Amino acid sequence: MTDSCLHVAIIGAGLGGLAAAIGIRRAGHNVTLLEQSAQFHHVRYPPPVTALRSPPPLPCPSRPTPLCPRLLESYLHRHGSPLNPPQVGAGIQIPPNSARILRNWGLIPEIAKHSVQPTEFRLRGWKDGRILHRMPLSHESGDEDGVGMYFIHRADFHTVLVDEARRLGVDIRLGSTVAGIDFEEARVEVVGKDAVK
């Protein structure tokens, strides 16, 4: 913690804005996070099934690869997922350098509940899906601290960060469209609401 407490306004509650808010709040400063969306649209799909983590070759007309449209359609149909959910991103990687920060914040157990750690990288041929090269990965082969890589859906990662920001006392203001910033007065103008100083 610091002796001089600042009030920091962050515009945008995406992954970067939330991570900044958490880091600044953990340093002992007050944080107001302004987000123009009226609500967070967290659409979660069922956890990845084993067949999608290490898919066997499946027959698919015109292109026999494990990630063909027929496999995806079958997966969505089996799990009852909506065909047109709100667009909130897709799967992303959390590399070891970022995972180390999340570990220091105590968030890796929650991240691990919603993610997978790759065991290998595969290079496949574009015509037939044949594996051309494999590069094994171990969870110990992450950075120098032994922190590995995680694959997670953006909505799940976002939810973990929102929950942590709220737990720390970050003031998250949804439906706040920024109209301008007055740097001399250290004030953020918000459409139809009180300014943030």
Protein backbone atom coordinates (compact mmCIF):
# COMPACT_ATOMS: atom_id res chain seq x y z
CA MET A 1 0.00 0.00 0.00
CA THR A 2 1.02 3.58 -0.53
CA ASP A 3 0.91 6.57 1.81
CA SER A 4 -0.64 8.90 -0.79
CA CYS A 5 -3.98 7.63 -2.06
CA LEU A 6 -5.04 8.69 -5.56
CA HIS A 7 -8.43 8.50 -7.24
CA VAL A 8 -7.94 6.93 -10.67
CA ALA A 9 -10.62 6.87 -13.38
CA ILE A 10 -10.35 4.15 -16.02
CA ILE A 11 -12.41 4.29 -19.19
CA GLY A 12 -13.51 0.89 -20.46
CA ALA A 13 -14.18 -2.31 -18.51
CA GLY A 14 -12.64 -4.75 -20.96
CA LEU A 15 -9.87 -7.14 -19.97
CA GLY A 16 -7.25 -4.36 -20.00
CA GLY A 17 -9.34 -1.87 -18.04
CA LEU A 18 -10.25 -4.47 -15.43
CA ALA A 19 -6.66 -5.65 -15.04
CA ALA A 20 -5.49 -2.05 -14.63
CA ALA A 21 -8.25 -1.40 -12.07
CA ILE A 22 -7.28 -4.48 -10.05
CA GLY A 23 -3.58 -3.61 -10.10
CA ILE A 24 -4.16 0.02 -9.13
CA ARG A 25 -6.64 -0.89 -6.40
CA ARG A 26 -4.23 -3.48 -4.99
CA ALA A 27 -1.62 -0.68 -4.83
CA GLY A 28 -3.96 1.15 -2.44
CA HIS A 29 -5.63 3.70 -4.71
CA ASN A 30 -9.34 4.34 -5.27
CA VAL A 31 -10.56 3.34 -8.73
CA THR A 32 -13.66 4.28 -10.70
CA LEU A 33 -14.16 2.18 -13.82
CA LEU A 34 -16.45 3.69 -16.46
CA GLU A 35 -18.09 1.35 -19.00
CA GLN A 36 -20.55 2.53 -21.65
CA SER A 37 -22.41 -0.80 -21.88
CA ALA A 38 -25.45 -0.98 -19.62
CA GLN A 39 -24.60 -4.56 -18.61
CA PHE A 40 -21.93 -7.18 -19.08
CA HIS A 41 -22.93 -9.78 -21.67
CA HIS A 42 -21.33 -12.95 -20.35
CA VAL A 43 -22.41 -15.87 -22.51
CA ARG A 44 -20.86 -19.10 -21.33
CA TYR A 45 -20.77 -22.29 -23.30
CA PRO A 46 -20.49 -25.69 -21.61
CA PRO A 47 -16.91 -26.62 -20.63
CA PRO A 48 -14.87 -27.98 -23.54
CA VAL A 49 -15.49 -31.68 -24.10
CA THR A 50 -12.59 -34.09 -24.30
CA ALA A 51 -13.28 -34.69 -27.99
CA LEU A 52 -12.62 -31.03 -28.72
CA ARG A 53 -9.44 -30.90 -26.60
CA SER A 54 -7.83 -33.77 -28.49
CA PRO A 55 -10.20 -34.49 -31.37
CA PRO A 56 -10.01 -37.74 -33.31
CA PRO A 57 -10.28 -37.40 -37.10
CA LEU A 58 -13.97 -37.27 -37.98
CA PRO A 59 -15.53 -37.73 -41.42
CA CYS A 60 -16.67 -34.43 -42.84
CA PRO A 61 -17.82 -33.82 -46.40
CA SER A 62 -15.37 -31.79 -48.48
CA ARG A 63 -12.80 -31.37 -45.69
CA PRO A 64 -12.07 -34.18 -43.22
CA THR A 65 -10.65 -32.10 -40.39
CA PRO A 66 -11.60 -32.31 -36.70
CA LEU A 67 -12.85 -28.72 -36.63
CA CYS A 68 -15.30 -28.97 -39.51
CA PRO A 69 -18.63 -27.08 -39.43
CA ARG A 70 -20.56 -30.34 -38.94
CA LEU A 71 -18.68 -31.09 -35.70
CA LEU A 72 -19.30 -27.57 -34.38
CA GLU A 73 -23.00 -27.74 -35.29
CA SER A 74 -23.30 -31.12 -33.56
CA TYR A 75 -21.55 -29.79 -30.44
CA LEU A 76 -23.86 -26.76 -30.22
CA HIS A 77 -26.93 -28.92 -30.81
CA ARG A 78 -25.97 -31.47 -28.10
CA HIS A 79 -25.39 -28.77 -25.49
CA GLY A 80 -28.35 -26.57 -26.37
CA SER A 81 -26.22 -23.47 -26.91
CA PRO A 82 -27.89 -20.54 -28.70
CA LEU A 83 -27.06 -20.24 -32.38
CA ASN A 84 -26.68 -16.47 -32.27
CA PRO A 85 -25.37 -15.39 -28.85
CA PRO A 86 -24.19 -11.82 -28.21
CA GLN A 87 -20.66 -11.33 -29.50
CA VAL A 88 -18.36 -11.21 -26.49
CA GLY A 89 -15.19 -12.65 -27.94
CA ALA A 90 -13.88 -16.14 -28.19
CA GLY A 91 -11.18 -18.36 -26.79
CA ILE A 92 -7.97 -16.59 -25.87
CA GLN A 93 -4.58 -17.56 -24.51
CA ILE A 94 -3.20 -16.44 -21.19
CA PRO A 95 0.57 -16.73 -21.66
CA PRO A 96 2.92 -17.53 -18.74
CA ASN A 97 3.93 -13.88 -18.16
CA SER A 98 0.27 -12.88 -17.68
CA ALA A 99 -0.50 -16.03 -15.69
CA ARG A 100 2.28 -15.08 -13.25
CA ILE A 101 0.49 -11.78 -12.49
CA LEU A 102 -2.82 -13.60 -12.06
CA ARG A 103 -1.11 -16.08 -9.72
CA ASN A 104 0.29 -13.20 -7.65
CA TRP A 105 -3.25 -11.82 -7.40
CA GLY A 106 -4.53 -15.23 -6.25
CA LEU A 107 -6.72 -15.73 -9.33
CA ILE A 108 -5.19 -18.87 -10.88
CA PRO A 109 -7.49 -21.29 -8.97
CA GLU A 110 -10.54 -19.51 -10.40
CA ILE A 111 -8.98 -19.24 -13.88
CA ALA A 112 -8.18 -22.97 -13.77
CA LYS A 113 -11.87 -23.80 -13.19
CA HIS A 114 -12.79 -22.27 -16.57
CA SER A 115 -9.73 -23.06 -18.68
CA VAL A 116 -7.56 -25.79 -20.07
CA GLN A 117 -3.79 -26.03 -20.21
CA PRO A 118 -2.42 -27.31 -23.52
CA THR A 119 -0.33 -30.46 -23.54
CA GLU A 120 1.07 -29.93 -27.02
CA PHE A 121 1.00 -27.73 -30.09
CA ARG A 122 0.05 -29.47 -33.33
CA LEU A 123 0.80 -28.34 -36.86
CA ARG A 124 -1.72 -29.87 -39.29
CA GLY A 125 -1.83 -30.03 -43.07
CA TRP A 126 -4.52 -27.83 -44.57
CA LYS A 127 -5.72 -30.41 -47.12
CA ASP A 128 -6.27 -33.48 -45.00
CA GLY A 129 -5.80 -32.42 -41.36
CA ARG A 130 -2.84 -34.82 -41.02
CA ILE A 131 -0.51 -33.95 -38.13
CA LEU A 132 2.76 -32.69 -39.60
CA HIS A 133 4.53 -31.80 -36.37
CA ARG A 134 3.94 -31.98 -32.62
CA MET A 135 5.61 -29.89 -29.95
CA PRO A 136 4.98 -31.31 -26.48
CA LEU A 137 4.29 -28.88 -23.66
CA SER A 138 4.39 -29.60 -19.97
CA HIS A 139 2.80 -27.42 -17.31
CA GLU A 140 6.28 -27.04 -15.84
CA SER A 141 7.62 -25.64 -19.12
CA GLY A 142 6.07 -22.22 -18.59
CA ASP A 143 8.14 -19.27 -17.47
CA GLU A 144 11.03 -19.40 -15.01
CA ASP A 145 8.55 -19.63 -12.12
CA GLY A 146 6.85 -22.72 -13.57
CA VAL A 147 3.67 -20.89 -14.58
CA GLY A 148 2.15 -22.35 -17.73
CA MET A 149 -0.26 -21.22 -20.43
CA TYR A 150 -4.06 -21.27 -20.16
CA PHE A 151 -6.75 -21.31 -22.86
CA ILE A 152 -10.00 -19.71 -21.70
CA HIS A 153 -13.14 -18.17 -23.17
CA ARG A 154 -12.99 -14.40 -23.02
CA ALA A 155 -16.37 -14.19 -21.20
CA ASP A 156 -15.13 -16.49 -18.43
CA PHE A 157 -11.86 -14.55 -18.05
CA HIS A 158 -13.83 -11.29 -17.98
CA THR A 159 -16.15 -12.65 -15.27
CA VAL A 160 -13.19 -13.64 -13.07
CA LEU A 161 -11.72 -10.13 -13.40
CA VAL A 162 -15.08 -8.38 -12.77
CA ASP A 163 -15.63 -10.47 -9.63
CA GLU A 164 -12.13 -9.65 -8.33
CA ALA A 165 -12.48 -5.93 -9.09
CA ARG A 166 -15.78 -5.81 -7.20
CA ARG A 167 -14.32 -7.80 -4.30
CA LEU A 168 -11.52 -5.23 -4.01
CA GLY A 169 -14.00 -2.34 -3.98
CA VAL A 170 -13.50 -0.94 -7.49
CA ASP A 171 -16.42 1.38 -8.32
CA ILE A 172 -17.71 -0.08 -11.62
CA ARG A 173 -20.19 2.26 -13.30
CA LEU A 174 -22.08 0.67 -16.19
CA GLY A 175 -23.99 2.77 -18.70
CA SER A 176 -21.39 5.55 -18.43
CA THR A 177 -20.49 7.07 -21.79
CA VAL A 178 -17.53 9.43 -21.54
CA ALA A 179 -18.09 12.81 -23.22
CA GLY A 180 -14.68 14.28 -22.54
CA ILE A 181 -11.69 14.59 -20.23
CA ASP A 182 -10.58 17.83 -18.58
CA PHE A 183 -6.91 17.24 -17.79
CA GLU A 184 -6.42 20.60 -16.06
CA GLU A 185 -9.29 19.95 -13.62
CA ALA A 186 -8.63 16.18 -13.46
CA ARG A 187 -12.25 15.45 -14.34
CA VAL A 188 -14.00 12.98 -16.65
CA GLU A 189 -17.30 14.21 -18.14
CA VAL A 190 -19.97 11.50 -18.42
CA VAL A 191 -23.08 11.85 -20.59
CA GLY A 192 -26.14 12.52 -18.40
CA LYS A 193 -24.33 11.85 -15.12
CA ASP A 194 -22.09 13.58 -12.61
CA ALA A 195 -18.49 14.07 -13.62
CA VAL A 196 -15.82 11.83 -12.09
CA LYS A 197 -13.05 13.80 -10.32
